[in-house]
Amino acid sequence: MSIAAIPADVVTILAALFLLLGVPAILFAVVLLYTGYVRYDAEQYLEALEELEGEDEQHAPEESDNR
């Protein structure tokens, strides 16, 4: 009875395999691509903040306690 559940048409078999394996693989790849972009963007943003912080420390006047 389980053999009757397998379609005889090759196109139907390929479509079913694509839906079972291809679609989840494509969705997984899109999620990985997006999270990779977010991580890269965050690293670039943090580097820019660190550079600004370093420039602010270099240009800031030193405070003295001589009153």
C-alpha atoms as a PDB file:
ATOM      1  CA  MET A   1       0.000   0.000   0.000  1.00  0.00           C
ATOM      2  CA  SER A   2       2.871   2.445   0.714  1.00  0.00           C
ATOM      3  CA  ILE A   3       4.276   1.911  -2.793  1.00  0.00           C
ATOM      4  CA  ALA A   4       1.037   3.249  -4.204  1.00  0.00           C
ATOM      5  CA  ALA A   5       1.704   6.533  -2.370  1.00  0.00           C
ATOM      6  CA  ILE A   6       4.774   7.184  -4.541  1.00  0.00           C
ATOM      7  CA  PRO A   7       3.742   8.984  -7.730  1.00  0.00           C
ATOM      8  CA  ALA A   8       4.781   7.467 -11.043  1.00  0.00           C
ATOM      9  CA  ASP A   9       5.335  10.828 -12.751  1.00  0.00           C
ATOM     10  CA  VAL A  10       8.979  11.973 -12.589  1.00  0.00           C
ATOM     11  CA  VAL A  11       8.038  15.662 -12.522  1.00  0.00           C
ATOM     12  CA  THR A  12       5.822  15.095  -9.491  1.00  0.00           C
ATOM     13  CA  ILE A  13       8.617  13.251  -7.693  1.00  0.00           C
ATOM     14  CA  LEU A  14      11.088  16.055  -8.440  1.00  0.00           C
ATOM     15  CA  ALA A  15       8.593  18.701  -7.326  1.00  0.00           C
ATOM     16  CA  ALA A  16       7.985  16.853  -4.058  1.00  0.00           C
ATOM     17  CA  LEU A  17      11.720  16.506  -3.424  1.00  0.00           C
ATOM     18  CA  PHE A  18      12.221  20.198  -4.139  1.00  0.00           C
ATOM     19  CA  LEU A  19       9.462  21.118  -1.698  1.00  0.00           C
ATOM     20  CA  LEU A  20      10.844  18.793   0.963  1.00  0.00           C
ATOM     21  CA  LEU A  21      14.534  19.675   0.570  1.00  0.00           C
ATOM     22  CA  GLY A  22      14.965  22.707  -1.666  1.00  0.00           C
ATOM     23  CA  VAL A  23      12.572  25.173  -0.102  1.00  0.00           C
ATOM     24  CA  PRO A  24      13.868  24.687   3.466  1.00  0.00           C
ATOM     25  CA  ALA A  25      17.458  24.928   2.192  1.00  0.00           C
ATOM     26  CA  ILE A  26      16.693  28.194   0.398  1.00  0.00           C
ATOM     27  CA  LEU A  27      14.967  29.652   3.460  1.00  0.00           C
ATOM     28  CA  PHE A  28      17.866  28.582   5.678  1.00  0.00           C
ATOM     29  CA  ALA A  29      20.343  30.210   3.282  1.00  0.00           C
ATOM     30  CA  VAL A  30      18.355  33.466   3.281  1.00  0.00           C
ATOM     31  CA  VAL A  31      18.282  33.540   7.078  1.00  0.00           C
ATOM     32  CA  LEU A  32      22.027  32.883   7.261  1.00  0.00           C
ATOM     33  CA  LEU A  33      22.717  35.581   4.690  1.00  0.00           C
ATOM     34  CA  TYR A  34      20.617  38.128   6.576  1.00  0.00           C
ATOM     35  CA  THR A  35      22.167  37.330   9.966  1.00  0.00           C
ATOM     36  CA  GLY A  36      25.620  37.540   8.401  1.00  0.00           C
ATOM     37  CA  TYR A  37      24.801  40.986   7.043  1.00  0.00           C
ATOM     38  CA  VAL A  38      23.462  42.140  10.414  1.00  0.00           C
ATOM     39  CA  ARG A  39      26.600  40.888  12.159  1.00  0.00           C
ATOM     40  CA  TYR A  40      28.874  42.584   9.599  1.00  0.00           C
ATOM     41  CA  ASP A  41      26.934  45.839   9.886  1.00  0.00           C
ATOM     42  CA  ALA A  42      27.118  45.710  13.678  1.00  0.00           C
ATOM     43  CA  GLU A  43      30.884  45.146  13.596  1.00  0.00           C
ATOM     44  CA  GLN A  44      31.348  48.100  11.244  1.00  0.00           C
ATOM     45  CA  TYR A  45      29.181  50.289  13.488  1.00  0.00           C
ATOM     46  CA  LEU A  46      31.121  49.302  16.613  1.00  0.00           C
ATOM     47  CA  GLU A  47      34.442  49.997  14.898  1.00  0.00           C
ATOM     48  CA  ALA A  48      33.205  53.440  13.877  1.00  0.00           C
ATOM     49  CA  LEU A  49      32.098  54.146  17.456  1.00  0.00           C
ATOM     50  CA  GLU A  50      35.472  53.050  18.817  1.00  0.00           C
ATOM     51  CA  GLU A  51      37.251  55.341  16.354  1.00  0.00           C
ATOM     52  CA  LEU A  52      35.047  58.267  17.385  1.00  0.00           C
ATOM     53  CA  GLU A  53      35.653  57.516  21.045  1.00  0.00           C
ATOM     54  CA  GLY A  54      39.398  57.419  20.453  1.00  0.00           C
ATOM     55  CA  GLU A  55      39.302  60.747  18.612  1.00  0.00           C
ATOM     56  CA  ASP A  56      37.243  62.325  21.407  1.00  0.00           C
ATOM     57  CA  GLU A  57      39.773  61.198  24.014  1.00  0.00           C
ATOM     58  CA  GLN A  58      42.661  62.655  22.009  1.00  0.00           C
ATOM     59  CA  HIS A  59      40.998  66.022  21.478  1.00  0.00           C
ATOM     60  CA  ALA A  60      39.438  66.418  24.908  1.00  0.00           C
ATOM     61  CA  PRO A  61      41.134  68.984  27.153  1.00  0.00           C
ATOM     62  CA  GLU A  62      42.745  67.525  30.220  1.00  0.00           C
ATOM     63  CA  GLU A  63      41.062  68.484  33.443  1.00  0.00           C
ATOM     64  CA  SER A  64      43.275  69.577  36.276  1.00  0.00           C
ATOM     65  CA  ASP A  65      42.523  69.950  39.948  1.00  0.00           C
ATOM     66  CA  ASN A  66      44.629  73.124  40.300  1.00  0.00           C
ATOM     67  CA  ARG A  67      42.228  75.653  41.733  1.00  0.00           C
END
